[in-house]
């Protein structure tokens, strides 16, 4: 059994709106051919893009409050490189 996995992380600037893991057994994969006849897109790929589009189109009320620790590059109690000298004796 082969599984395909997609991890969807949707950001609005530095704010992460959503993170989701989706898995699908390759046996049940639906391949939709592209116009060139050589390429295809899977139904899991289409679903992933539709979810991302829906999250980006959400209103501020639907997005909810911004939680500061849910930010790319947010400090989690560790000093950044420029501040390390303060902690050295």
N, C-alpha and C. Protein backbone atom coordinates (compact mmCIF):
# COMPACT_ATOMS: atom_id res chain seq x y z
N UNK A 1 0.85 -1.17 0.00
CA UNK A 1 0.00 0.00 0.00
C UNK A 1 0.90 1.24 0.00
N UNK A 2 0.69 2.12 -0.96
CA UNK A 2 1.43 3.37 -1.04
C UNK A 2 0.49 4.52 -0.71
N UNK A 3 0.96 5.37 0.17
CA UNK A 3 0.16 6.52 0.57
C UNK A 3 0.80 7.79 0.04
N UNK A 4 -0.03 8.72 -0.39
CA UNK A 4 0.43 10.04 -0.77
C UNK A 4 0.02 10.99 0.34
N UNK A 5 0.93 11.87 0.69
CA UNK A 5 0.67 12.81 1.77
C UNK A 5 0.87 14.23 1.27
N UNK A 6 -0.04 15.09 1.66
CA UNK A 6 0.09 16.52 1.38
C UNK A 6 -0.01 17.25 2.70
N UNK A 7 0.93 18.14 2.95
CA UNK A 7 0.87 19.00 4.12
C UNK A 7 0.57 20.40 3.62
N UNK A 8 -0.51 20.95 4.10
CA UNK A 8 -0.94 22.27 3.67
C UNK A 8 -0.71 23.26 4.81
N UNK A 9 0.14 24.24 4.57
CA UNK A 9 0.37 25.35 5.50
C UNK A 9 0.00 26.62 4.77
N UNK A 10 -1.02 27.31 5.27
CA UNK A 10 -1.49 28.54 4.62
C UNK A 10 -1.10 29.72 5.50
N UNK A 11 -0.40 30.67 4.90
CA UNK A 11 0.07 31.86 5.61
C UNK A 11 -0.58 33.11 5.03
N UNK A 12 -0.85 34.07 5.91
CA UNK A 12 -1.29 35.40 5.52
C UNK A 12 -0.21 36.35 6.03
N UNK A 13 0.81 36.58 5.20
CA UNK A 13 1.99 37.31 5.67
C UNK A 13 2.72 36.43 6.67
N UNK A 14 3.06 36.96 7.84
CA UNK A 14 3.76 36.14 8.83
C UNK A 14 2.82 35.27 9.66
N UNK A 15 1.53 35.46 9.49
CA UNK A 15 0.53 34.74 10.30
C UNK A 15 0.16 33.42 9.65
N UNK A 16 0.30 32.33 10.40
CA UNK A 16 -0.13 31.03 9.87
C UNK A 16 -1.61 30.87 10.14
N UNK A 17 -2.38 30.69 9.06
CA UNK A 17 -3.82 30.53 9.20
C UNK A 17 -4.22 29.08 9.45
N UNK A 18 -3.48 28.15 8.85
CA UNK A 18 -3.93 26.76 8.86
C UNK A 18 -2.78 25.81 8.60
N UNK A 19 -2.81 24.67 9.24
CA UNK A 19 -1.89 23.59 8.91
C UNK A 19 -2.70 22.31 8.93
N UNK A 20 -2.58 21.52 7.88
CA UNK A 20 -3.38 20.32 7.75
C UNK A 20 -2.58 19.25 7.04
N UNK A 21 -2.73 18.01 7.46
CA UNK A 21 -2.12 16.86 6.80
C UNK A 21 -3.23 16.06 6.13
N UNK A 22 -3.04 15.75 4.87
CA UNK A 22 -4.00 14.93 4.14
C UNK A 22 -3.28 13.74 3.55
N UNK A 23 -3.88 12.57 3.67
CA UNK A 23 -3.27 11.36 3.12
C UNK A 23 -4.31 10.62 2.28
N UNK A 24 -3.81 9.97 1.24
CA UNK A 24 -4.68 9.21 0.35
C UNK A 24 -3.92 8.00 -0.15
N UNK A 25 -4.58 6.85 -0.11
CA UNK A 25 -3.98 5.64 -0.66
C UNK A 25 -3.89 5.80 -2.17
N UNK A 26 -2.74 5.46 -2.72
CA UNK A 26 -2.52 5.64 -4.15
C UNK A 26 -3.48 4.80 -4.99
N UNK A 27 -4.00 3.73 -4.41
CA UNK A 27 -4.94 2.86 -5.11
C UNK A 27 -6.23 3.62 -5.46
N UNK A 28 -6.60 4.58 -4.62
CA UNK A 28 -7.84 5.33 -4.82
C UNK A 28 -7.61 6.69 -5.46
N UNK A 29 -6.40 6.95 -5.90
CA UNK A 29 -6.04 8.23 -6.50
C UNK A 29 -6.73 8.41 -7.85
N UNK A 30 -7.25 9.59 -8.06
CA UNK A 30 -7.87 9.93 -9.35
C UNK A 30 -6.95 10.91 -10.05
N UNK A 31 -6.50 10.55 -11.24
CA UNK A 31 -5.61 11.42 -12.02
C UNK A 31 -6.40 12.11 -13.12
N UNK A 32 -6.34 13.42 -13.12
CA UNK A 32 -7.03 14.22 -14.13
C UNK A 32 -5.99 14.69 -15.13
N UNK A 33 -6.14 14.30 -16.42
CA UNK A 33 -5.13 14.69 -17.41
C UNK A 33 -5.16 16.20 -17.68
N UNK A 34 -3.97 16.75 -17.93
CA UNK A 34 -3.85 18.17 -18.26
C UNK A 34 -4.00 18.33 -19.78
N UNK A 35 -4.04 19.57 -20.23
CA UNK A 35 -4.25 19.86 -21.65
C UNK A 35 -3.16 19.32 -22.56
N UNK A 36 -1.92 19.22 -22.05
CA UNK A 36 -0.83 18.77 -22.91
C UNK A 36 -0.87 17.26 -23.18
N UNK A 37 -1.69 16.52 -22.44
CA UNK A 37 -1.81 15.09 -22.65
C UNK A 37 -0.74 14.26 -21.97
N UNK A 38 0.32 14.89 -21.49
CA UNK A 38 1.41 14.17 -20.83
C UNK A 38 1.33 14.27 -19.32
N UNK A 39 0.86 15.39 -18.84
CA UNK A 39 0.84 15.66 -17.40
C UNK A 39 -0.54 15.36 -16.81
N UNK A 40 -0.56 15.23 -15.51
CA UNK A 40 -1.82 15.03 -14.81
C UNK A 40 -1.77 15.73 -13.46
N UNK A 41 -2.93 15.93 -12.88
CA UNK A 41 -3.04 16.46 -11.53
C UNK A 41 -3.95 15.49 -10.77
N UNK A 42 -3.64 15.26 -9.51
CA UNK A 42 -4.44 14.32 -8.74
C UNK A 42 -5.57 15.05 -8.02
N UNK A 43 -6.59 14.29 -7.65
CA UNK A 43 -7.70 14.88 -6.92
C UNK A 43 -7.25 15.42 -5.56
N UNK A 44 -6.22 14.81 -4.98
CA UNK A 44 -5.69 15.30 -3.71
C UNK A 44 -5.02 16.66 -3.90
N UNK A 45 -4.32 16.84 -5.02
CA UNK A 45 -3.70 18.14 -5.31
C UNK A 45 -4.78 19.21 -5.50
N UNK A 46 -5.84 18.87 -6.22
CA UNK A 46 -6.93 19.82 -6.45
C UNK A 46 -7.58 20.20 -5.13
N UNK A 47 -7.84 19.21 -4.28
CA UNK A 47 -8.45 19.47 -2.99
C UNK A 47 -7.55 20.35 -2.12
N UNK A 48 -6.26 20.12 -2.16
CA UNK A 48 -5.31 20.92 -1.39
C UNK A 48 -5.36 22.38 -1.83
N UNK A 49 -5.35 22.62 -3.15
CA UNK A 49 -5.40 23.99 -3.66
C UNK A 49 -6.73 24.67 -3.35
N UNK A 50 -7.84 23.92 -3.41
CA UNK A 50 -9.14 24.49 -3.09
C UNK A 50 -9.22 24.90 -1.62
N UNK A 51 -8.64 24.10 -0.74
CA UNK A 51 -8.63 24.46 0.68
C UNK A 51 -7.81 25.72 0.91
N UNK A 52 -6.66 25.83 0.26
CA UNK A 52 -5.82 27.02 0.41
C UNK A 52 -6.55 28.26 -0.09
N UNK A 53 -7.22 28.15 -1.24
CA UNK A 53 -7.97 29.28 -1.79
C UNK A 53 -9.09 29.70 -0.85
N UNK A 54 -9.79 28.74 -0.27
CA UNK A 54 -10.88 29.05 0.65
C UNK A 54 -10.36 29.79 1.89
N UNK A 55 -9.21 29.38 2.39
CA UNK A 55 -8.64 30.05 3.56
C UNK A 55 -8.18 31.46 3.25
N UNK A 56 -7.62 31.68 2.07
CA UNK A 56 -7.18 33.02 1.68
C UNK A 56 -8.37 33.94 1.43
N UNK A 57 -9.50 33.38 0.99
CA UNK A 57 -10.69 34.18 0.72
C UNK A 57 -11.54 34.44 1.97
N UNK A 58 -11.15 33.90 3.11
CA UNK A 58 -11.92 34.06 4.34
C UNK A 58 -11.90 35.51 4.81
N UNK A 59 -12.99 35.91 5.45
CA UNK A 59 -13.07 37.26 6.02
C UNK A 59 -12.24 37.32 7.30
N UNK A 60 -11.91 38.52 7.78
CA UNK A 60 -11.15 38.63 9.04
C UNK A 60 -11.87 37.95 10.22
N UNK A 61 -13.20 38.00 10.23
CA UNK A 61 -13.95 37.34 11.30
C UNK A 61 -13.79 35.83 11.22
N UNK A 62 -13.76 35.29 10.00
CA UNK A 62 -13.59 33.85 9.82
C UNK A 62 -12.17 33.40 10.16
N UNK A 63 -11.19 34.28 9.89
CA UNK A 63 -9.80 33.95 10.20
C UNK A 63 -9.56 33.92 11.70
N UNK A 64 -10.32 34.70 12.45
CA UNK A 64 -10.19 34.70 13.90
C UNK A 64 -9.07 35.60 14.38
N UNK A 65 -8.88 35.63 15.70
CA UNK A 65 -7.84 36.51 16.26
C UNK A 65 -6.44 36.00 15.95
N UNK A 66 -5.52 36.92 15.90
CA UNK A 66 -4.13 36.58 15.62
C UNK A 66 -3.45 36.19 16.92
N UNK A 67 -2.96 34.98 16.98
CA UNK A 67 -2.24 34.49 18.15
C UNK A 67 -0.76 34.69 17.88
N UNK A 68 -0.07 35.56 18.64
CA UNK A 68 1.32 35.92 18.33
C UNK A 68 2.30 34.76 18.22
N UNK A 69 2.11 33.67 18.97
CA UNK A 69 3.07 32.57 18.88
C UNK A 69 2.85 31.71 17.65
N UNK A 70 1.88 32.06 16.85
CA UNK A 70 1.59 31.33 15.62
C UNK A 70 2.16 32.09 14.42
N UNK A 71 3.42 32.51 14.54
CA UNK A 71 4.05 33.37 13.55
C UNK A 71 5.34 32.73 13.05
N UNK A 72 5.62 32.87 11.76
CA UNK A 72 6.89 32.39 11.23
C UNK A 72 8.01 33.18 11.88
N UNK A 73 9.02 32.51 12.35
CA UNK A 73 10.17 33.17 12.93
C UNK A 73 9.95 33.69 14.34
N UNK A 74 8.83 33.32 14.96
CA UNK A 74 8.57 33.80 16.32
C UNK A 74 9.54 33.17 17.29
N UNK A 75 9.95 33.95 18.26
CA UNK A 75 10.89 33.45 19.26
C UNK A 75 10.14 32.55 20.24
N UNK A 76 10.72 31.44 20.54
CA UNK A 76 10.13 30.50 21.48
C UNK A 76 10.97 30.41 22.74
N UNK A 77 11.41 31.54 23.27
CA UNK A 77 12.20 31.55 24.49
C UNK A 77 13.69 31.43 24.28
N UNK A 78 14.14 31.25 23.06
CA UNK A 78 15.56 31.14 22.76
C UNK A 78 16.06 32.47 22.21
N UNK A 79 17.24 32.91 22.60
CA UNK A 79 17.77 34.17 22.08
C UNK A 79 18.16 34.04 20.61
N UNK A 80 17.99 35.12 19.87
CA UNK A 80 18.44 35.13 18.49
C UNK A 80 19.93 35.42 18.47
N UNK A 81 20.58 35.20 17.34
CA UNK A 81 22.04 35.29 17.25
C UNK A 81 22.59 36.61 17.77
N UNK A 82 21.93 37.73 17.50
CA UNK A 82 22.43 39.02 17.92
C UNK A 82 22.35 39.25 19.43
N UNK A 83 21.56 38.46 20.14
CA UNK A 83 21.38 38.64 21.57
C UNK A 83 22.18 37.64 22.40
N UNK A 84 22.86 36.71 21.79
CA UNK A 84 23.58 35.67 22.52
C UNK A 84 24.65 36.27 23.42
N UNK A 85 25.30 37.35 22.97
CA UNK A 85 26.38 37.94 23.76
C UNK A 85 25.91 38.39 25.14
N UNK A 86 24.65 38.73 25.31
CA UNK A 86 24.14 39.14 26.62
C UNK A 86 24.18 37.99 27.63
N UNK A 87 24.10 36.76 27.13
CA UNK A 87 24.03 35.61 28.01
C UNK A 87 25.39 34.97 28.25
N UNK A 88 26.42 35.49 27.60
CA UNK A 88 27.76 34.93 27.78
C UNK A 88 28.48 35.67 28.91
N UNK A 89 29.20 34.95 29.72
CA UNK A 89 29.90 35.56 30.86
C UNK A 89 31.37 35.65 30.58
